[in-house]
Amino acid sequence: MLMNKDCTVCRQASEIEVGFYYGTSYVSYVLTVGLSLLSLGLWALTIGLSVNDNRFFIWMGVNAGLLFLLQPWLMRFSRSLWISWFVKYDPDWKIHQPEDVSERLNAEQANNW
């Protein structure tokens, strides 16, 4: 899925540098593990877990389907978290222009990873 090069509202560059969003895979991984543990806990409390039947394997299938359906949301949320850690919110964004990051971008290396 393509992202806008700049925010359509405040003009903040969304691609800070080449490979900026590489770290979002770690954020997405933590979110996925957290959701899996939460769903396992809810499954154990409501349906229960047992080694004598296939309830654990059914949970694995349900959890995999849930994570598959949530993947677009998880991707966008992890990207939003990632950029929020590196670009601080400016309450006067209408007055201040975002910093120019064009010197950190290399058009030849864009999407080359």
PDB file of N, CA and C in Angstrom:
ATOM      1  N   MET A   1       0.840  -1.166   0.000  1.00  0.00           N
ATOM      2  CA  MET A   1       0.000   0.000   0.000  1.00  0.00           C
ATOM      3  C   MET A   1       0.893   1.240   0.000  1.00  0.00           C
ATOM      4  N   LEU A   2       0.564   2.193  -0.832  1.00  0.00           N
ATOM      5  CA  LEU A   2       1.346   3.409  -0.950  1.00  0.00           C
ATOM      6  C   LEU A   2       0.912   4.434   0.086  1.00  0.00           C
ATOM      7  N   MET A   3       1.893   5.181   0.572  1.00  0.00           N
ATOM      8  CA  MET A   3       1.626   6.283   1.491  1.00  0.00           C
ATOM      9  C   MET A   3       1.854   7.592   0.766  1.00  0.00           C
ATOM     10  N   ASN A   4       1.182   8.624   1.219  1.00  0.00           N
ATOM     11  CA  ASN A   4       1.471   9.950   0.694  1.00  0.00           C
ATOM     12  C   ASN A   4       2.879  10.358   1.091  1.00  0.00           C
ATOM     13  N   LYS A   5       3.559  11.092   0.223  1.00  0.00           N
ATOM     14  CA  LYS A   5       4.914  11.558   0.553  1.00  0.00           C
ATOM     15  C   LYS A   5       4.888  12.566   1.687  1.00  0.00           C
ATOM     16  N   ASP A   6       3.819  13.359   1.750  1.00  0.00           N
ATOM     17  CA  ASP A   6       3.642  14.350   2.811  1.00  0.00           C
ATOM     18  C   ASP A   6       2.241  14.206   3.381  1.00  0.00           C
ATOM     19  N   CYS A   7       2.088  14.619   4.638  1.00  0.00           N
ATOM     20  CA  CYS A   7       0.765  14.656   5.245  1.00  0.00           C
ATOM     21  C   CYS A   7      -0.081  15.661   4.476  1.00  0.00           C
ATOM     22  N   THR A   8      -1.291  15.267   4.177  1.00  0.00           N
ATOM     23  CA  THR A   8      -2.162  16.152   3.395  1.00  0.00           C
ATOM     24  C   THR A   8      -2.640  17.350   4.212  1.00  0.00           C
ATOM     25  N   VAL A   9      -2.498  17.304   5.533  1.00  0.00           N
ATOM     26  CA  VAL A   9      -2.951  18.407   6.382  1.00  0.00           C
ATOM     27  C   VAL A   9      -1.798  19.330   6.758  1.00  0.00           C
ATOM     28  N   CYS A  10      -0.737  18.772   7.363  1.00  0.00           N
ATOM     29  CA  CYS A  10       0.328  19.620   7.918  1.00  0.00           C
ATOM     30  C   CYS A  10       1.592  19.658   7.062  1.00  0.00           C
ATOM     31  N   ARG A  11       1.665  18.855   6.012  1.00  0.00           N
ATOM     32  CA  ARG A  11       2.816  18.797   5.100  1.00  0.00           C
ATOM     33  C   ARG A  11       4.063  18.169   5.721  1.00  0.00           C
ATOM     34  N   GLN A  12       3.922  17.435   6.830  1.00  0.00           N
ATOM     35  CA  GLN A  12       5.047  16.717   7.414  1.00  0.00           C
ATOM     36  C   GLN A  12       5.417  15.570   6.483  1.00  0.00           C
ATOM     37  N   ALA A  13       6.708  15.453   6.181  1.00  0.00           N
ATOM     38  CA  ALA A  13       7.162  14.355   5.322  1.00  0.00           C
ATOM     39  C   ALA A  13       6.923  13.029   6.026  1.00  0.00           C
ATOM     40  N   SER A  14       6.339  12.074   5.331  1.00  0.00           N
ATOM     41  CA  SER A  14       6.088  10.775   5.944  1.00  0.00           C
ATOM     42  C   SER A  14       7.274   9.833   5.765  1.00  0.00           C
ATOM     43  N   GLU A  15       8.092  10.075   4.773  1.00  0.00           N
ATOM     44  CA  GLU A  15       9.311   9.275   4.572  1.00  0.00           C
ATOM     45  C   GLU A  15      10.482  10.143   5.009  1.00  0.00           C
ATOM     46  N   ILE A  16      10.926   9.958   6.251  1.00  0.00           N
ATOM     47  CA  ILE A  16      11.964  10.794   6.829  1.00  0.00           C
ATOM     48  C   ILE A  16      13.314  10.528   6.165  1.00  0.00           C
ATOM     49  N   GLU A  17      13.613   9.276   5.943  1.00  0.00           N
ATOM     50  CA  GLU A  17      14.848   8.880   5.262  1.00  0.00           C
ATOM     51  C   GLU A  17      14.646   7.491   4.680  1.00  0.00           C
ATOM     52  N   VAL A  18      15.562   7.077   3.853  1.00  0.00           N
ATOM     53  CA  VAL A  18      15.451   5.758   3.225  1.00  0.00           C
ATOM     54  C   VAL A  18      15.471   4.685   4.314  1.00  0.00           C
ATOM     55  N   GLY A  19      14.499   3.812   4.293  1.00  0.00           N
ATOM     56  CA  GLY A  19      14.417   2.731   5.269  1.00  0.00           C
ATOM     57  C   GLY A  19      13.937   3.165   6.644  1.00  0.00           C
ATOM     58  N   PHE A  20      13.323   4.342   6.734  1.00  0.00           N
ATOM     59  CA  PHE A  20      12.889   4.870   8.037  1.00  0.00           C
ATOM     60  C   PHE A  20      11.952   3.907   8.750  1.00  0.00           C
ATOM     61  N   TYR A  21      11.057   3.282   8.039  1.00  0.00           N
ATOM     62  CA  TYR A  21      10.036   2.438   8.654  1.00  0.00           C
ATOM     63  C   TYR A  21      10.481   0.993   8.866  1.00  0.00           C
ATOM     64  N   TYR A  22      11.748   0.699   8.695  1.00  0.00           N
ATOM     65  CA  TYR A  22      12.235  -0.662   8.912  1.00  0.00           C
ATOM     66  C   TYR A  22      11.954  -1.113  10.344  1.00  0.00           C
ATOM     67  N   GLY A  23      12.071  -0.208  11.295  1.00  0.00           N
ATOM     68  CA  GLY A  23      11.860  -0.549  12.702  1.00  0.00           C
ATOM     69  C   GLY A  23      10.424  -0.866  13.055  1.00  0.00           C
ATOM     70  N   THR A  24       9.482  -0.536  12.162  1.00  0.00           N
ATOM     71  CA  THR A  24       8.083  -0.828  12.479  1.00  0.00           C
ATOM     72  C   THR A  24       7.806  -2.323  12.537  1.00  0.00           C
ATOM     73  N   SER A  25       8.672  -3.113  11.950  1.00  0.00           N
ATOM     74  CA  SER A  25       8.476  -4.559  12.038  1.00  0.00           C
ATOM     75  C   SER A  25       8.605  -5.029  13.490  1.00  0.00           C
ATOM     76  N   TYR A  26       9.480  -4.381  14.259  1.00  0.00           N
ATOM     77  CA  TYR A  26       9.626  -4.733  15.674  1.00  0.00           C
ATOM     78  C   TYR A  26       8.401  -4.291  16.466  1.00  0.00           C
ATOM     79  N   VAL A  27       7.895  -3.098  16.168  1.00  0.00           N
ATOM     80  CA  VAL A  27       6.695  -2.610  16.840  1.00  0.00           C
ATOM     81  C   VAL A  27       5.522  -3.518  16.517  1.00  0.00           C
ATOM     82  N   SER A  28       5.361  -3.870  15.253  1.00  0.00           N
ATOM     83  CA  SER A  28       4.279  -4.754  14.838  1.00  0.00           C
ATOM     84  C   SER A  28       4.406  -6.125  15.505  1.00  0.00           C
ATOM     85  N   TYR A  29       5.620  -6.612  15.648  1.00  0.00           N
ATOM     86  CA  TYR A  29       5.849  -7.906  16.305  1.00  0.00           C
ATOM     87  C   TYR A  29       5.380  -7.856  17.757  1.00  0.00           C
ATOM     88  N   VAL A  30       5.728  -6.791  18.476  1.00  0.00           N
ATOM     89  CA  VAL A  30       5.313  -6.665  19.879  1.00  0.00           C
ATOM     90  C   VAL A  30       3.791  -6.574  19.976  1.00  0.00           C
ATOM     91  N   LEU A  31       3.176  -5.803  19.092  1.00  0.00           N
ATOM     92  CA  LEU A  31       1.713  -5.713  19.085  1.00  0.00           C
ATOM     93  C   LEU A  31       1.073  -7.063  18.796  1.00  0.00           C
ATOM     94  N   THR A  32       1.638  -7.809  17.858  1.00  0.00           N
ATOM     95  CA  THR A  32       1.103  -9.121  17.496  1.00  0.00           C
ATOM     96  C   THR A  32       1.224 -10.106  18.651  1.00  0.00           C
ATOM     97  N   VAL A  33       2.373 -10.111  19.318  1.00  0.00           N
ATOM     98  CA  VAL A  33       2.556 -11.004  20.466  1.00  0.00           C
ATOM     99  C   VAL A  33       1.585 -10.625  21.576  1.00  0.00           C
ATOM    100  N   GLY A  34       1.432  -9.312  21.825  1.00  0.00           N
ATOM    101  CA  GLY A  34       0.493  -8.866  22.853  1.00  0.00           C
ATOM    102  C   GLY A  34      -0.939  -9.273  22.549  1.00  0.00           C
ATOM    103  N   LEU A  35      -1.367  -9.093  21.298  1.00  0.00           N
ATOM    104  CA  LEU A  35      -2.720  -9.504  20.909  1.00  0.00           C
ATOM    105  C   LEU A  35      -2.891 -11.017  21.012  1.00  0.00           C
ATOM    106  N   SER A  36      -1.853 -11.759  20.650  1.00  0.00           N
ATOM    107  CA  SER A  36      -1.934 -13.224  20.737  1.00  0.00           C
ATOM    108  C   SER A  36      -2.056 -13.679  22.186  1.00  0.00           C
ATOM    109  N   LEU A  37      -1.288 -13.060  23.080  1.00  0.00           N
ATOM    110  CA  LEU A  37      -1.385 -13.421  24.492  1.00  0.00           C
ATOM    111  C   LEU A  37      -2.740 -13.037  25.066  1.00  0.00           C
ATOM    112  N   LEU A  38      -3.256 -11.882  24.651  1.00  0.00           N
ATOM    113  CA  LEU A  38      -4.577 -11.463  25.101  1.00  0.00           C
ATOM    114  C   LEU A  38      -5.657 -12.435  24.613  1.00  0.00           C
ATOM    115  N   SER A  39      -5.589 -12.818  23.342  1.00  0.00           N
ATOM    116  CA  SER A  39      -6.596 -13.748  22.817  1.00  0.00           C
ATOM    117  C   SER A  39      -6.448 -15.132  23.453  1.00  0.00           C
ATOM    118  N   LEU A  40      -5.218 -15.541  23.757  1.00  0.00           N
ATOM    119  CA  LEU A  40      -5.018 -16.827  24.442  1.00  0.00           C
ATOM    120  C   LEU A  40      -5.629 -16.785  25.834  1.00  0.00           C
ATOM    121  N   GLY A  41      -5.427 -15.665  26.534  1.00  0.00           N
ATOM    122  CA  GLY A  41      -6.017 -15.532  27.864  1.00  0.00           C
ATOM    123  C   GLY A  41      -7.530 -15.547  27.823  1.00  0.00           C
ATOM    124  N   LEU A  42      -8.104 -14.806  26.865  1.00  0.00           N
ATOM    125  CA  LEU A  42      -9.565 -14.798  26.731  1.00  0.00           C
ATOM    126  C   LEU A  42     -10.090 -16.176  26.342  1.00  0.00           C
ATOM    127  N   TRP A  43      -9.357 -16.848  25.461  1.00  0.00           N
ATOM    128  CA  TRP A  43      -9.752 -18.204  25.045  1.00  0.00           C
ATOM    129  C   TRP A  43      -9.714 -19.154  26.238  1.00  0.00           C
ATOM    130  N   ALA A  44      -8.659 -19.052  27.053  1.00  0.00           N
ATOM    131  CA  ALA A  44      -8.528 -19.937  28.214  1.00  0.00           C
ATOM    132  C   ALA A  44      -9.630 -19.676  29.238  1.00  0.00           C
ATOM    133  N   LEU A  45     -10.017 -18.405  29.396  1.00  0.00           N
ATOM    134  CA  LEU A  45     -11.056 -18.077  30.371  1.00  0.00           C
ATOM    135  C   LEU A  45     -12.450 -18.467  29.893  1.00  0.00           C
ATOM    136  N   THR A  46     -12.695 -18.353  28.601  1.00  0.00           N
ATOM    137  CA  THR A  46     -14.045 -18.623  28.102  1.00  0.00           C
ATOM    138  C   THR A  46     -14.233 -20.067  27.645  1.00  0.00           C
ATOM    139  N   ILE A  47     -13.318 -20.562  26.843  1.00  0.00           N
ATOM    140  CA  ILE A  47     -13.466 -21.902  26.269  1.00  0.00           C
ATOM    141  C   ILE A  47     -12.613 -22.917  27.012  1.00  0.00           C
ATOM    142  N   GLY A  48     -11.448 -22.486  27.439  1.00  0.00           N
ATOM    143  CA  GLY A  48     -10.543 -23.357  28.170  1.00  0.00           C
ATOM    144  C   GLY A  48      -9.505 -23.983  27.255  1.00  0.00           C
ATOM    145  N   LEU A  49      -8.432 -24.424  27.860  1.00  0.00           N
ATOM    146  CA  LEU A  49      -7.357 -25.094  27.130  1.00  0.00           C
ATOM    147  C   LEU A  49      -7.187 -26.493  27.689  1.00  0.00           C
ATOM    148  N   SER A  50      -6.898 -27.420  26.828  1.00  0.00           N
ATOM    149  CA  SER A  50      -6.741 -28.802  27.258  1.00  0.00           C
ATOM    150  C   SER A  50      -5.768 -29.495  26.319  1.00  0.00           C
ATOM    151  N   VAL A  51      -4.998 -30.425  26.879  1.00  0.00           N
ATOM    152  CA  VAL A  51      -4.102 -31.235  26.047  1.00  0.00           C
ATOM    153  C   VAL A  51      -4.815 -32.491  25.543  1.00  0.00           C
ATOM    154  N   ASN A  52      -6.020 -32.715  26.029  1.00  0.00           N
ATOM    155  CA  ASN A  52      -6.755 -33.920  25.656  1.00  0.00           C
ATOM    156  C   ASN A  52      -7.594 -33.759  24.392  1.00  0.00           C
ATOM    157  N   ASP A  53      -7.771 -32.519  23.911  1.00  0.00           N
ATOM    158  CA  ASP A  53      -8.514 -32.308  22.676  1.00  0.00           C
ATOM    159  C   ASP A  53      -7.814 -31.229  21.850  1.00  0.00           C
ATOM    160  N   ASN A  54      -8.465 -30.744  20.844  1.00  0.00           N
ATOM    161  CA  ASN A  54      -7.821 -29.824  19.900  1.00  0.00           C
ATOM    162  C   ASN A  54      -8.112 -28.347  20.168  1.00  0.00           C
ATOM    163  N   ARG A  55      -8.562 -28.005  21.379  1.00  0.00           N
ATOM    164  CA  ARG A  55      -8.919 -26.610  21.639  1.00  0.00           C
ATOM    165  C   ARG A  55      -7.744 -25.659  21.449  1.00  0.00           C
ATOM    166  N   PHE A  56      -6.537 -26.054  21.804  1.00  0.00           N
ATOM    167  CA  PHE A  56      -5.367 -25.194  21.616  1.00  0.00           C
ATOM    168  C   PHE A  56      -5.096 -24.975  20.130  1.00  0.00           C
ATOM    169  N   PHE A  57      -5.209 -26.018  19.348  1.00  0.00           N
ATOM    170  CA  PHE A  57      -4.962 -25.900  17.902  1.00  0.00           C
ATOM    171  C   PHE A  57      -6.064 -25.093  17.211  1.00  0.00           C
ATOM    172  N   ILE A  58      -7.287 -25.204  17.728  1.00  0.00           N
ATOM    173  CA  ILE A  58      -8.373 -24.376  17.196  1.00  0.00           C
ATOM    174  C   ILE A  58      -8.082 -22.908  17.511  1.00  0.00           C
ATOM    175  N   TRP A  59      -7.609 -22.628  18.743  1.00  0.00           N
ATOM    176  CA  TRP A  59      -7.229 -21.251  19.091  1.00  0.00           C
ATOM    177  C   TRP A  59      -6.135 -20.750  18.158  1.00  0.00           C
ATOM    178  N   MET A  60      -5.157 -21.601  17.852  1.00  0.00           N
ATOM    179  CA  MET A  60      -4.078 -21.174  16.947  1.00  0.00           C
ATOM    180  C   MET A  60      -4.644 -20.772  15.593  1.00  0.00           C
ATOM    181  N   GLY A  61      -5.594 -21.516  15.077  1.00  0.00           N
ATOM    182  CA  GLY A  61      -6.211 -21.178  13.800  1.00  0.00           C
ATOM    183  C   GLY A  61      -7.026 -19.898  13.876  1.00  0.00           C
ATOM    184  N   VAL A  62      -7.808 -19.753  14.949  1.00  0.00           N
ATOM    185  CA  VAL A  62      -8.605 -18.537  15.136  1.00  0.00           C
ATOM    186  C   VAL A  62      -7.690 -17.335  15.297  1.00  0.00           C
ATOM    187  N   ASN A  63      -6.626 -17.485  16.081  1.00  0.00           N
ATOM    188  CA  ASN A  63      -5.669 -16.395  16.294  1.00  0.00           C
ATOM    189  C   ASN A  63      -4.970 -16.019  14.991  1.00  0.00           C
ATOM    190  N   ALA A  64      -4.576 -16.992  14.206  1.00  0.00           N
ATOM    191  CA  ALA A  64      -3.936 -16.703  12.919  1.00  0.00           C
ATOM    192  C   ALA A  64      -4.890 -15.943  12.002  1.00  0.00           C
ATOM    193  N   GLY A  65      -6.160 -16.364  11.962  1.00  0.00           N
ATOM    194  CA  GLY A  65      -7.152 -15.654  11.155  1.00  0.00           C
ATOM    195  C   GLY A  65      -7.377 -14.235  11.648  1.00  0.00           C
ATOM    196  N   LEU A  66      -7.439 -14.060  12.960  1.00  0.00           N
ATOM    197  CA  LEU A  66      -7.607 -12.734  13.542  1.00  0.00           C
ATOM    198  C   LEU A  66      -6.431 -11.829  13.183  1.00  0.00           C
ATOM    199  N   LEU A  67      -5.214 -12.337  13.330  1.00  0.00           N
ATOM    200  CA  LEU A  67      -4.031 -11.537  13.003  1.00  0.00           C
ATOM    201  C   LEU A  67      -3.971 -11.224  11.516  1.00  0.00           C
ATOM    202  N   PHE A  68      -4.411 -12.154  10.682  1.00  0.00           N
ATOM    203  CA  PHE A  68      -4.442 -11.906   9.245  1.00  0.00           C
ATOM    204  C   PHE A  68      -5.414 -10.772   8.909  1.00  0.00           C
ATOM    205  N   LEU A  69      -6.582 -10.785   9.545  1.00  0.00           N
ATOM    206  CA  LEU A  69      -7.568  -9.741   9.288  1.00  0.00           C
ATOM    207  C   LEU A  69      -7.129  -8.385   9.852  1.00  0.00           C
ATOM    208  N   LEU A  70      -6.405  -8.402  10.966  1.00  0.00           N
ATOM    209  CA  LEU A  70      -5.950  -7.164  11.595  1.00  0.00           C
ATOM    210  C   LEU A  70      -4.643  -6.640  11.011  1.00  0.00           C
ATOM    211  N   GLN A  71      -4.018  -7.357  10.105  1.00  0.00           N
ATOM    212  CA  GLN A  71      -2.707  -6.973   9.590  1.00  0.00           C
ATOM    213  C   GLN A  71      -2.677  -5.569   8.997  1.00  0.00           C
ATOM    214  N   PRO A  72      -3.637  -5.156   8.176  1.00  0.00           N
ATOM    215  CA  PRO A  72      -3.580  -3.781   7.661  1.00  0.00           C
ATOM    216  C   PRO A  72      -3.650  -2.733   8.775  1.00  0.00           C
ATOM    217  N   TRP A  73      -4.494  -2.959   9.772  1.00  0.00           N
ATOM    218  CA  TRP A  73      -4.581  -2.039  10.892  1.00  0.00           C
ATOM    219  C   TRP A  73      -3.289  -2.045  11.703  1.00  0.00           C
ATOM    220  N   LEU A  74      -2.737  -3.230  11.971  1.00  0.00           N
ATOM    221  CA  LEU A  74      -1.483  -3.323  12.734  1.00  0.00           C
ATOM    222  C   LEU A  74      -0.340  -2.614  12.005  1.00  0.00           C
ATOM    223  N   MET A  75      -0.291  -2.763  10.696  1.00  0.00           N
ATOM    224  CA  MET A  75       0.765  -2.107   9.917  1.00  0.00           C
ATOM    225  C   MET A  75       0.657  -0.597  10.047  1.00  0.00           C
ATOM    226  N   ARG A  76      -0.529  -0.069   9.857  1.00  0.00           N
ATOM    227  CA  ARG A  76      -0.719   1.384   9.933  1.00  0.00           C
ATOM    228  C   ARG A  76      -0.488   1.903  11.350  1.00  0.00           C
ATOM    229  N   PHE A  77      -0.961   1.171  12.345  1.00  0.00           N
ATOM    230  CA  PHE A  77      -0.794   1.598  13.727  1.00  0.00           C
ATOM    231  C   PHE A  77       0.677   1.587  14.129  1.00  0.00           C
ATOM    232  N   SER A  78       1.418   0.557  13.720  1.00  0.00           N
ATOM    233  CA  SER A  78       2.839   0.499  14.068  1.00  0.00           C
ATOM    234  C   SER A  78       3.616   1.610  13.362  1.00  0.00           C
ATOM    235  N   ARG A  79       3.246   1.938  12.128  1.00  0.00           N
ATOM    236  CA  ARG A  79       3.892   3.066  11.434  1.00  0.00           C
ATOM    237  C   ARG A  79       3.582   4.381  12.132  1.00  0.00           C
ATOM    238  N   SER A  80       2.339   4.533  12.588  1.00  0.00           N
ATOM    239  CA  SER A  80       1.963   5.756  13.305  1.00  0.00           C
ATOM    240  C   SER A  80       2.720   5.877  14.627  1.00  0.00           C
ATOM    241  N   LEU A  81       2.825   4.774  15.354  1.00  0.00           N
ATOM    242  CA  LEU A  81       3.608   4.801  16.591  1.00  0.00           C
ATOM    243  C   LEU A  81       5.068   5.139  16.310  1.00  0.00           C
ATOM    244  N   TRP A  82       5.634   4.517  15.288  1.00  0.00           N
ATOM    245  CA  TRP A  82       7.046   4.708  14.965  1.00  0.00           C
ATOM    246  C   TRP A  82       7.346   6.171  14.639  1.00  0.00           C
ATOM    247  N   ILE A  83       6.548   6.781  13.780  1.00  0.00           N
ATOM    248  CA  ILE A  83       6.827   8.173  13.416  1.00  0.00           C
ATOM    249  C   ILE A  83       6.563   9.105  14.594  1.00  0.00           C
ATOM    250  N   SER A  84       5.630   8.744  15.487  1.00  0.00           N
ATOM    251  CA  SER A  84       5.359   9.604  16.638  1.00  0.00           C
ATOM    252  C   SER A  84       6.526   9.626  17.620  1.00  0.00           C
ATOM    253  N   TRP A  85       7.358   8.600  17.611  1.00  0.00           N
ATOM    254  CA  TRP A  85       8.525   8.579  18.494  1.00  0.00           C
ATOM    255  C   TRP A  85       9.659   9.454  17.967  1.00  0.00           C
ATOM    256  N   PHE A  86       9.655   9.726  16.680  1.00  0.00           N
ATOM    257  CA  PHE A  86      10.761  10.477  16.080  1.00  0.00           C
ATOM    258  C   PHE A  86      10.375  11.886  15.638  1.00  0.00           C
ATOM    259  N   VAL A  87       9.108  12.125  15.408  1.00  0.00           N
ATOM    260  CA  VAL A  87       8.629  13.454  15.014  1.00  0.00           C
ATOM    261  C   VAL A  87       7.676  13.917  16.104  1.00  0.00           C
ATOM    262  N   LYS A  88       8.096  14.916  16.852  1.00  0.00           N
ATOM    263  CA  LYS A  88       7.280  15.411  17.959  1.00  0.00           C
ATOM    264  C   LYS A  88       6.136  16.275  17.434  1.00  0.00           C
ATOM    265  N   TYR A  89       5.014  16.194  18.121  1.00  0.00           N
ATOM    266  CA  TYR A  89       3.836  16.965  17.736  1.00  0.00           C
ATOM    267  C   TYR A  89       4.081  18.439  18.037  1.00  0.00           C
ATOM    268  N   ASP A  90       3.793  19.282  17.077  1.00  0.00           N
ATOM    269  CA  ASP A  90       3.896  20.727  17.233  1.00  0.00           C
ATOM    270  C   ASP A  90       2.488  21.301  17.295  1.00  0.00           C
ATOM    271  N   PRO A  91       2.053  21.815  18.465  1.00  0.00           N
ATOM    272  CA  PRO A  91       0.695  22.342  18.550  1.00  0.00           C
ATOM    273  C   PRO A  91       0.463  23.551  17.635  1.00  0.00           C
ATOM    274  N   ASP A  92       1.540  24.218  17.228  1.00  0.00           N
ATOM    275  CA  ASP A  92       1.434  25.361  16.314  1.00  0.00           C
ATOM    276  C   ASP A  92       1.823  24.959  14.900  1.00  0.00           C
ATOM    277  N   TRP A  93       1.396  23.783  14.471  1.00  0.00           N
ATOM    278  CA  TRP A  93       1.819  23.277  13.165  1.00  0.00           C
ATOM    279  C   TRP A  93       1.306  24.131  12.025  1.00  0.00           C
ATOM    280  N   LYS A  94       0.233  24.894  12.252  1.00  0.00           N
ATOM    281  CA  LYS A  94      -0.269  25.760  11.185  1.00  0.00           C
ATOM    282  C   LYS A  94       0.680  26.926  10.927  1.00  0.00           C
ATOM    283  N   ILE A  95       1.445  27.308  11.939  1.00  0.00           N
ATOM    284  CA  ILE A  95       2.385  28.427  11.813  1.00  0.00           C
ATOM    285  C   ILE A  95       3.760  27.947  11.366  1.00  0.00           C
ATOM    286  N   HIS A  96       4.235  26.867  11.986  1.00  0.00           N
ATOM    287  CA  HIS A  96       5.581  26.354  11.706  1.00  0.00           C
ATOM    288  C   HIS A  96       5.550  25.346  10.568  1.00  0.00           C
ATOM    289  N   GLN A  97       6.479  25.456   9.670  1.00  0.00           N
ATOM    290  CA  GLN A  97       6.624  24.477   8.592  1.00  0.00           C
ATOM    291  C   GLN A  97       7.467  23.314   9.098  1.00  0.00           C
ATOM    292  N   PRO A  98       7.175  22.099   8.672  1.00  0.00           N
ATOM    293  CA  PRO A  98       8.027  20.974   9.072  1.00  0.00           C
ATOM    294  C   PRO A  98       9.413  21.124   8.462  1.00  0.00           C
ATOM    295  N   GLU A  99      10.394  20.513   9.124  1.00  0.00           N
ATOM    296  CA  GLU A  99      11.765  20.635   8.617  1.00  0.00           C
ATOM    297  C   GLU A  99      11.913  19.930   7.278  1.00  0.00           C
ATOM    298  N   ASP A 100      12.797  20.468   6.473  1.00  0.00           N
ATOM    299  CA  ASP A 100      13.052  19.905   5.142  1.00  0.00           C
ATOM    300  C   ASP A 100      13.950  18.679   5.294  1.00  0.00           C
ATOM    301  N   VAL A 101      13.494  17.533   4.817  1.00  0.00           N
ATOM    302  CA  VAL A 101      14.268  16.292   4.944  1.00  0.00           C
ATOM    303  C   VAL A 101      14.792  15.821   3.596  1.00  0.00           C
ATOM    304  N   SER A 102      14.730  16.680   2.594  1.00  0.00           N
ATOM    305  CA  SER A 102      15.105  16.247   1.246  1.00  0.00           C
ATOM    306  C   SER A 102      16.564  15.806   1.162  1.00  0.00           C
ATOM    307  N   GLU A 103      17.438  16.348   2.041  1.00  0.00           N
ATOM    308  CA  GLU A 103      18.840  15.931   1.978  1.00  0.00           C
ATOM    309  C   GLU A 103      19.050  14.520   2.505  1.00  0.00           C
ATOM    310  N   ARG A 104      18.078  13.983   3.267  1.00  0.00           N
ATOM    311  CA  ARG A 104      18.200  12.626   3.792  1.00  0.00           C
ATOM    312  C   ARG A 104      17.616  11.584   2.855  1.00  0.00           C
ATOM    313  N   LEU A 105      16.941  12.028   1.818  1.00  0.00           N
ATOM    314  CA  LEU A 105      16.323  11.089   0.890  1.00  0.00           C
ATOM    315  C   LEU A 105      17.227  10.875  -0.312  1.00  0.00           C
ATOM    316  N   ASN A 106      17.275   9.664  -0.759  1.00  0.00           N
ATOM    317  CA  ASN A 106      18.052   9.302  -1.924  1.00  0.00           C
ATOM    318  C   ASN A 106      17.097   8.608  -2.890  1.00  0.00           C
ATOM    319  N   ALA A 107      16.727   9.310  -3.943  1.00  0.00           N
ATOM    320  CA  ALA A 107      15.719   8.783  -4.870  1.00  0.00           C
ATOM    321  C   ALA A 107      16.150   7.465  -5.481  1.00  0.00           C
ATOM    322  N   GLU A 108      17.462   7.276  -5.680  1.00  0.00           N
ATOM    323  CA  GLU A 108      17.936   6.023  -6.272  1.00  0.00           C
ATOM    324  C   GLU A 108      17.772   4.835  -5.321  1.00  0.00           C
ATOM    325  N   GLN A 109      17.785   5.106  -4.018  1.00  0.00           N
ATOM    326  CA  GLN A 109      17.684   4.024  -3.039  1.00  0.00           C
ATOM    327  C   GLN A 109      16.267   3.843  -2.505  1.00  0.00           C
ATOM    328  N   ALA A 110      15.346   4.702  -2.886  1.00  0.00           N
ATOM    329  CA  ALA A 110      13.968   4.580  -2.408  1.00  0.00           C
ATOM    330  C   ALA A 110      13.366   3.259  -2.890  1.00  0.00           C
ATOM    331  N   ASN A 111      12.684   2.581  -1.979  1.00  0.00           N
ATOM    332  CA  ASN A 111      12.042   1.277  -2.252  1.00  0.00           C
ATOM    333  C   ASN A 111      13.038   0.235  -2.752  1.00  0.00           C
ATOM    334  N   ASN A 112      14.251   0.305  -2.233  1.00  0.00           N
ATOM    335  CA  ASN A 112      15.302  -0.615  -2.681  1.00  0.00           C
ATOM    336  C   ASN A 112      15.702  -1.551  -1.545  1.00  0.00           C
ATOM    337  N   TRP A 113      14.738  -1.949  -0.759  1.00  0.00           N
ATOM    338  CA  TRP A 113      15.051  -2.853   0.342  1.00  0.00           C
ATOM    339  C   TRP A 113      13.959  -3.788   0.562  1.00  0.00           C
TER     340      TRP A 113
END
